[in-house]
Amino acid sequence: MAPMTNQVATMFDLLTEREQLLIYELVQRLIPDDIATADDIAAHAAAQAEHARGETVSMDEIDWS
């Protein structure tokens, strides 16, 4: 573990459980949730290729129920 990471973990352990929950919620909101996996990138490339070929579904064809 990196020195600063270790220091933060130690500080976090000193907090009460309620404080830890609050800090955890805050950190979750600060860290972006946009990390793409190799599968995500491949699926996105495939979808872009389908779209480029005109293989799309109209909004009217989607069942929104």
Protein backbone atom coordinates (compact mmCIF):
# COMPACT_ATOMS: atom_id res chain seq x y z
CA MET A 1 0.00 0.00 0.00
CA ALA A 2 1.29 3.47 -0.86
CA PRO A 3 2.31 5.58 2.16
CA MET A 4 -0.51 8.10 1.72
CA THR A 5 -3.05 5.33 1.16
CA ASN A 6 -1.87 3.68 4.35
CA GLN A 7 -2.15 6.98 6.23
CA VAL A 8 -5.70 7.56 4.96
CA ALA A 9 -6.70 4.00 5.91
CA THR A 10 -5.31 4.52 9.40
CA MET A 11 -7.18 7.82 9.78
CA PHE A 12 -10.38 6.20 8.49
CA ASP A 13 -10.07 3.46 11.11
CA LEU A 14 -9.97 6.11 13.85
CA LEU A 15 -13.43 7.40 12.90
CA THR A 16 -16.66 6.10 14.40
CA GLU A 17 -18.74 3.74 12.29
CA ARG A 18 -21.23 6.52 11.56
CA GLU A 19 -18.46 8.88 10.48
CA GLN A 20 -16.97 6.15 8.31
CA LEU A 21 -20.32 5.70 6.57
CA LEU A 22 -20.56 9.43 5.86
CA ILE A 23 -17.00 9.61 4.52
CA TYR A 24 -17.58 6.49 2.44
CA GLU A 25 -20.69 8.04 0.85
CA LEU A 26 -18.77 11.24 0.11
CA VAL A 27 -15.86 9.38 -1.49
CA GLN A 28 -18.25 7.35 -3.65
CA ARG A 29 -19.65 10.58 -5.03
CA LEU A 30 -16.18 12.01 -5.72
CA ILE A 31 -14.78 9.00 -7.58
CA PRO A 32 -16.08 8.77 -11.14
CA ASP A 33 -17.94 5.65 -12.09
CA ASP A 34 -16.79 5.69 -15.69
CA ILE A 35 -14.05 3.10 -15.73
CA ALA A 36 -14.47 1.04 -18.87
CA THR A 37 -13.41 -2.59 -19.02
CA ALA A 38 -12.04 -4.25 -22.16
CA ASP A 39 -15.49 -5.81 -22.69
CA ASP A 40 -17.14 -2.38 -22.36
CA ILE A 41 -14.80 -0.92 -24.98
CA ALA A 42 -15.42 -3.83 -27.36
CA ALA A 43 -19.20 -3.58 -26.92
CA HIS A 44 -19.07 0.16 -27.56
CA ALA A 45 -16.99 -0.33 -30.71
CA ALA A 46 -19.47 -2.96 -31.95
CA ALA A 47 -22.40 -0.63 -31.26
CA GLN A 48 -20.70 2.21 -33.11
CA ALA A 49 -20.06 -0.08 -36.10
CA GLU A 50 -23.72 -1.18 -36.13
CA HIS A 51 -24.84 2.43 -35.99
CA ALA A 52 -22.49 3.36 -38.84
CA ARG A 53 -24.05 0.58 -40.94
CA GLY A 54 -27.52 1.92 -40.17
CA GLU A 55 -28.43 -1.02 -37.97
CA THR A 56 -30.40 0.92 -35.39
CA VAL A 57 -33.72 0.58 -33.63
CA SER A 58 -36.16 3.45 -33.73
CA MET A 59 -37.46 4.86 -30.47
CA ASP A 60 -40.96 3.72 -31.47
CA GLU A 61 -39.80 0.09 -31.50
CA ILE A 62 -38.68 0.15 -27.85
CA ASP A 63 -41.03 -1.30 -25.23
CA TRP A 64 -40.80 1.24 -22.37
CA SER A 65 -43.10 -0.70 -20.03
